Amino acid sequence: MDITCTSLEEVRQRIDEIDRSLVALLGKRGKLVTQAARFKKTTDDVRAPARVEQVISKVREMADQTGASAEVVEQVYRAMISAFIADELATHAKLGNPASAS
């Protein structure tokens, strides 16, 4: 995909297109996160710090393979995961699941 632009307007148009795709993908990811809450017994299962680090490691590798900044990707994913965990905790609570593993 050619990403060379000839004007600031074109840059902004392409960024807007990417943003539309990203928002749609975030919506899909969010629906899966909501489904995951049904399978988790405790809030500790929702927070899953080991899983978070596994995802971060995986996306940093993907960034390296695709030429993206691993630092930026990690920061974005940490923020996204944090937001999804908060949403999943709310869903988890509505399902009446226990607060923690203890």
N, C-alpha and C. Protein backbone atom coordinates (compact mmCIF):
# COMPACT_ATOMS: atom_id res chain seq x y z
N MET A 1 0.85 -1.19 0.00
CA MET A 1 0.00 0.00 0.00
C MET A 1 0.89 1.24 0.00
N ASP A 2 0.66 2.08 -0.97
CA ASP A 2 1.42 3.32 -1.07
C ASP A 2 0.88 4.32 -0.04
N ILE A 3 1.76 4.78 0.83
CA ILE A 3 1.30 5.75 1.82
C ILE A 3 1.91 7.13 1.59
N THR A 4 2.48 7.35 0.41
CA THR A 4 3.03 8.65 0.09
C THR A 4 1.90 9.60 -0.27
N CYS A 5 1.86 10.70 0.43
CA CYS A 5 0.81 11.70 0.20
C CYS A 5 1.44 12.95 -0.39
N THR A 6 0.63 13.70 -1.10
CA THR A 6 1.13 14.91 -1.74
C THR A 6 0.63 16.19 -1.08
N SER A 7 -0.19 16.03 -0.04
CA SER A 7 -0.68 17.22 0.68
C SER A 7 -1.11 16.85 2.09
N LEU A 8 -1.18 17.85 2.93
CA LEU A 8 -1.65 17.64 4.29
C LEU A 8 -3.10 17.15 4.27
N GLU A 9 -3.89 17.66 3.36
CA GLU A 9 -5.29 17.23 3.22
C GLU A 9 -5.37 15.73 2.95
N GLU A 10 -4.52 15.25 2.06
CA GLU A 10 -4.51 13.82 1.74
C GLU A 10 -4.06 13.00 2.95
N VAL A 11 -3.06 13.48 3.67
CA VAL A 11 -2.61 12.80 4.88
C VAL A 11 -3.79 12.66 5.85
N ARG A 12 -4.50 13.76 6.05
CA ARG A 12 -5.63 13.76 6.99
C ARG A 12 -6.75 12.83 6.51
N GLN A 13 -7.01 12.80 5.22
CA GLN A 13 -8.03 11.89 4.67
C GLN A 13 -7.65 10.44 4.94
N ARG A 14 -6.41 10.11 4.70
CA ARG A 14 -5.96 8.73 4.92
C ARG A 14 -6.00 8.36 6.40
N ILE A 15 -5.63 9.30 7.25
CA ILE A 15 -5.71 9.04 8.69
C ILE A 15 -7.17 8.82 9.09
N ASP A 16 -8.08 9.62 8.55
CA ASP A 16 -9.51 9.44 8.84
C ASP A 16 -10.00 8.06 8.41
N GLU A 17 -9.55 7.58 7.26
CA GLU A 17 -9.92 6.24 6.79
C GLU A 17 -9.41 5.17 7.76
N ILE A 18 -8.18 5.32 8.18
CA ILE A 18 -7.61 4.36 9.12
C ILE A 18 -8.37 4.42 10.45
N ASP A 19 -8.69 5.62 10.91
CA ASP A 19 -9.44 5.77 12.16
C ASP A 19 -10.79 5.06 12.09
N ARG A 20 -11.48 5.16 10.95
CA ARG A 20 -12.76 4.46 10.79
C ARG A 20 -12.56 2.95 10.93
N SER A 21 -11.52 2.45 10.32
CA SER A 21 -11.23 1.01 10.41
C SER A 21 -10.86 0.61 11.84
N LEU A 22 -10.04 1.42 12.49
CA LEU A 22 -9.63 1.13 13.87
C LEU A 22 -10.83 1.12 14.82
N VAL A 23 -11.71 2.09 14.68
CA VAL A 23 -12.89 2.15 15.55
C VAL A 23 -13.77 0.92 15.32
N ALA A 24 -13.95 0.52 14.07
CA ALA A 24 -14.74 -0.68 13.79
C ALA A 24 -14.09 -1.91 14.41
N LEU A 25 -12.78 -2.02 14.31
CA LEU A 25 -12.07 -3.15 14.91
C LEU A 25 -12.13 -3.11 16.44
N LEU A 26 -12.06 -1.93 17.02
CA LEU A 26 -12.20 -1.82 18.48
C LEU A 26 -13.59 -2.28 18.92
N GLY A 27 -14.59 -1.96 18.13
CA GLY A 27 -15.94 -2.43 18.44
C GLY A 27 -16.02 -3.95 18.43
N LYS A 28 -15.42 -4.58 17.43
CA LYS A 28 -15.39 -6.04 17.36
C LYS A 28 -14.63 -6.63 18.54
N ARG A 29 -13.50 -6.03 18.87
CA ARG A 29 -12.69 -6.52 19.98
C ARG A 29 -13.47 -6.38 21.29
N GLY A 30 -14.17 -5.27 21.43
CA GLY A 30 -14.97 -5.03 22.63
C GLY A 30 -16.07 -6.06 22.81
N LYS A 31 -16.70 -6.46 21.73
CA LYS A 31 -17.74 -7.48 21.82
C LYS A 31 -17.16 -8.81 22.28
N LEU A 32 -15.97 -9.12 21.82
CA LEU A 32 -15.31 -10.36 22.27
C LEU A 32 -14.91 -10.28 23.74
N VAL A 33 -14.44 -9.12 24.16
CA VAL A 33 -14.08 -8.92 25.57
C VAL A 33 -15.31 -9.11 26.45
N THR A 34 -16.44 -8.57 26.02
CA THR A 34 -17.69 -8.74 26.78
C THR A 34 -18.06 -10.21 26.88
N GLN A 35 -17.89 -10.94 25.80
CA GLN A 35 -18.16 -12.38 25.84
C GLN A 35 -17.22 -13.10 26.79
N ALA A 36 -15.96 -12.67 26.81
CA ALA A 36 -14.97 -13.32 27.67
C ALA A 36 -15.36 -13.22 29.14
N ALA A 37 -16.01 -12.14 29.53
CA ALA A 37 -16.42 -11.95 30.93
C ALA A 37 -17.28 -13.10 31.42
N ARG A 38 -18.06 -13.69 30.52
CA ARG A 38 -18.94 -14.81 30.91
C ARG A 38 -18.14 -16.04 31.33
N PHE A 39 -16.94 -16.17 30.83
CA PHE A 39 -16.14 -17.37 31.08
C PHE A 39 -15.17 -17.22 32.25
N LYS A 40 -15.09 -16.02 32.79
CA LYS A 40 -14.14 -15.76 33.87
C LYS A 40 -14.86 -15.77 35.20
N LYS A 41 -14.31 -16.52 36.14
CA LYS A 41 -14.97 -16.72 37.43
C LYS A 41 -14.77 -15.56 38.40
N THR A 42 -13.62 -14.91 38.35
CA THR A 42 -13.30 -13.86 39.32
C THR A 42 -12.76 -12.61 38.63
N THR A 43 -12.71 -11.51 39.39
CA THR A 43 -12.12 -10.29 38.83
C THR A 43 -10.62 -10.46 38.60
N ASP A 44 -10.00 -11.33 39.39
CA ASP A 44 -8.59 -11.62 39.13
C ASP A 44 -8.42 -12.25 37.75
N ASP A 45 -9.38 -13.09 37.37
CA ASP A 45 -9.36 -13.69 36.03
C ASP A 45 -9.52 -12.61 34.96
N VAL A 46 -10.33 -11.58 35.26
CA VAL A 46 -10.54 -10.49 34.30
C VAL A 46 -9.24 -9.68 34.15
N ARG A 47 -8.63 -9.35 35.25
CA ARG A 47 -7.41 -8.53 35.20
C ARG A 47 -6.24 -9.27 34.54
N ALA A 48 -6.08 -10.54 34.81
CA ALA A 48 -5.12 -11.44 34.16
C ALA A 48 -3.80 -10.78 33.75
N PRO A 49 -3.00 -10.31 34.71
CA PRO A 49 -1.76 -9.61 34.35
C PRO A 49 -0.80 -10.43 33.49
N ALA A 50 -0.76 -11.73 33.68
CA ALA A 50 0.12 -12.56 32.85
C ALA A 50 -0.35 -12.54 31.40
N ARG A 51 -1.66 -12.58 31.20
CA ARG A 51 -2.21 -12.52 29.83
C ARG A 51 -1.92 -11.16 29.20
N VAL A 52 -2.04 -10.10 30.00
CA VAL A 52 -1.74 -8.76 29.48
C VAL A 52 -0.31 -8.72 28.95
N GLU A 53 0.63 -9.23 29.74
CA GLU A 53 2.04 -9.21 29.32
C GLU A 53 2.26 -10.09 28.10
N GLN A 54 1.52 -11.19 28.00
CA GLN A 54 1.61 -12.05 26.82
C GLN A 54 1.16 -11.29 25.57
N VAL A 55 0.07 -10.56 25.68
CA VAL A 55 -0.44 -9.77 24.55
C VAL A 55 0.56 -8.67 24.18
N ILE A 56 1.10 -8.00 25.20
CA ILE A 56 2.07 -6.92 24.93
C ILE A 56 3.28 -7.48 24.20
N SER A 57 3.79 -8.60 24.64
CA SER A 57 4.93 -9.23 23.98
C SER A 57 4.61 -9.55 22.52
N LYS A 58 3.42 -10.11 22.31
CA LYS A 58 3.00 -10.49 20.96
C LYS A 58 2.89 -9.27 20.05
N VAL A 59 2.28 -8.19 20.52
CA VAL A 59 2.09 -7.02 19.65
C VAL A 59 3.40 -6.27 19.42
N ARG A 60 4.31 -6.32 20.39
CA ARG A 60 5.63 -5.72 20.16
C ARG A 60 6.36 -6.47 19.05
N GLU A 61 6.23 -7.80 19.04
CA GLU A 61 6.82 -8.60 17.95
C GLU A 61 6.20 -8.22 16.61
N MET A 62 4.87 -8.09 16.61
CA MET A 62 4.17 -7.70 15.38
C MET A 62 4.66 -6.33 14.90
N ALA A 63 4.85 -5.42 15.84
CA ALA A 63 5.33 -4.08 15.48
C ALA A 63 6.71 -4.19 14.82
N ASP A 64 7.58 -4.95 15.43
CA ASP A 64 8.92 -5.13 14.86
C ASP A 64 8.85 -5.71 13.45
N GLN A 65 7.95 -6.66 13.25
CA GLN A 65 7.83 -7.33 11.95
C GLN A 65 7.25 -6.42 10.87
N THR A 66 6.43 -5.45 11.29
CA THR A 66 5.75 -4.60 10.31
C THR A 66 6.36 -3.21 10.17
N GLY A 67 7.38 -2.92 10.97
CA GLY A 67 8.02 -1.61 10.88
C GLY A 67 7.35 -0.54 11.71
N ALA A 68 6.39 -0.93 12.56
CA ALA A 68 5.75 0.03 13.45
C ALA A 68 6.64 0.24 14.67
N SER A 69 6.43 1.33 15.36
CA SER A 69 7.18 1.58 16.60
C SER A 69 6.66 0.67 17.70
N ALA A 70 7.53 -0.20 18.21
CA ALA A 70 7.12 -1.11 19.29
C ALA A 70 6.72 -0.33 20.53
N GLU A 71 7.38 0.80 20.79
CA GLU A 71 7.05 1.62 21.95
C GLU A 71 5.65 2.21 21.83
N VAL A 72 5.32 2.74 20.66
CA VAL A 72 4.00 3.31 20.45
C VAL A 72 2.94 2.22 20.53
N VAL A 73 3.18 1.10 19.89
CA VAL A 73 2.23 -0.01 19.92
C VAL A 73 1.99 -0.47 21.35
N GLU A 74 3.06 -0.60 22.12
CA GLU A 74 2.89 -1.02 23.52
C GLU A 74 2.06 -0.01 24.30
N GLN A 75 2.36 1.25 24.15
CA GLN A 75 1.60 2.27 24.88
C GLN A 75 0.12 2.26 24.50
N VAL A 76 -0.16 2.14 23.22
CA VAL A 76 -1.54 2.09 22.75
C VAL A 76 -2.25 0.86 23.30
N TYR A 77 -1.58 -0.28 23.23
CA TYR A 77 -2.20 -1.52 23.73
C TYR A 77 -2.41 -1.50 25.23
N ARG A 78 -1.47 -0.94 25.98
CA ARG A 78 -1.66 -0.87 27.42
C ARG A 78 -2.88 0.00 27.76
N ALA A 79 -3.03 1.11 27.08
CA ALA A 79 -4.19 1.98 27.30
C ALA A 79 -5.47 1.27 26.90
N MET A 80 -5.45 0.62 25.74
CA MET A 80 -6.63 -0.09 25.25
C MET A 80 -7.01 -1.22 26.18
N ILE A 81 -6.04 -2.02 26.59
CA ILE A 81 -6.32 -3.14 27.48
C ILE A 81 -6.87 -2.65 28.80
N SER A 82 -6.32 -1.58 29.33
CA SER A 82 -6.81 -1.01 30.58
C SER A 82 -8.28 -0.61 30.46
N ALA A 83 -8.63 0.04 29.36
CA ALA A 83 -10.02 0.44 29.14
C ALA A 83 -10.93 -0.77 28.98
N PHE A 84 -10.48 -1.77 28.25
CA PHE A 84 -11.29 -2.98 28.08
C PHE A 84 -11.44 -3.74 29.39
N ILE A 85 -10.41 -3.77 30.21
CA ILE A 85 -10.51 -4.44 31.51
C ILE A 85 -11.56 -3.74 32.37
N ALA A 86 -11.55 -2.42 32.38
CA ALA A 86 -12.55 -1.67 33.15
C ALA A 86 -13.96 -2.01 32.67
N ASP A 87 -14.14 -2.07 31.37
CA ASP A 87 -15.44 -2.41 30.80
C ASP A 87 -15.83 -3.85 31.14
N GLU A 88 -14.85 -4.74 31.03
CA GLU A 88 -15.10 -6.15 31.33
C GLU A 88 -15.43 -6.35 32.81
N LEU A 89 -14.77 -5.60 33.68
CA LEU A 89 -15.08 -5.69 35.12
C LEU A 89 -16.52 -5.28 35.39
N ALA A 90 -16.99 -4.25 34.70
CA ALA A 90 -18.38 -3.82 34.86
C ALA A 90 -19.34 -4.91 34.38
N THR A 91 -19.03 -5.51 33.24
CA THR A 91 -19.85 -6.61 32.72
C THR A 91 -19.82 -7.79 33.68
N HIS A 92 -18.65 -8.10 34.17
CA HIS A 92 -18.45 -9.21 35.10
C HIS A 92 -19.31 -9.01 36.35
N ALA A 93 -19.32 -7.79 36.87
CA ALA A 93 -20.11 -7.48 38.07
C ALA A 93 -21.60 -7.64 37.81
N LYS A 94 -22.05 -7.24 36.63
CA LYS A 94 -23.47 -7.38 36.28
C LYS A 94 -23.88 -8.85 36.19
N LEU A 95 -22.93 -9.70 35.84
CA LEU A 95 -23.22 -11.13 35.75
C LEU A 95 -23.27 -11.78 37.13
N GLY A 96 -22.88 -11.03 38.17
CA GLY A 96 -22.94 -11.55 39.52
C GLY A 96 -21.82 -12.49 39.88
N ASN A 97 -20.68 -12.34 39.21
CA ASN A 97 -19.54 -13.19 39.51
C ASN A 97 -18.82 -12.70 40.76
N PRO A 98 -18.08 -13.56 41.43
CA PRO A 98 -17.37 -13.18 42.65
C PRO A 98 -16.35 -12.08 42.40
N ALA A 99 -16.03 -11.32 43.43
CA ALA A 99 -15.11 -10.18 43.31
C ALA A 99 -13.67 -10.61 43.10
N SER A 100 -13.23 -11.69 43.73
CA SER A 100 -11.83 -12.09 43.58
C SER A 100 -11.67 -13.58 43.78
N ALA A 101 -10.47 -14.04 43.61
CA ALA A 101 -10.21 -15.48 43.73
C ALA A 101 -10.12 -15.91 45.19
N SER A 102 -9.95 -14.99 46.13
CA SER A 102 -9.79 -15.37 47.52
C SER A 102 -11.10 -15.62 48.23
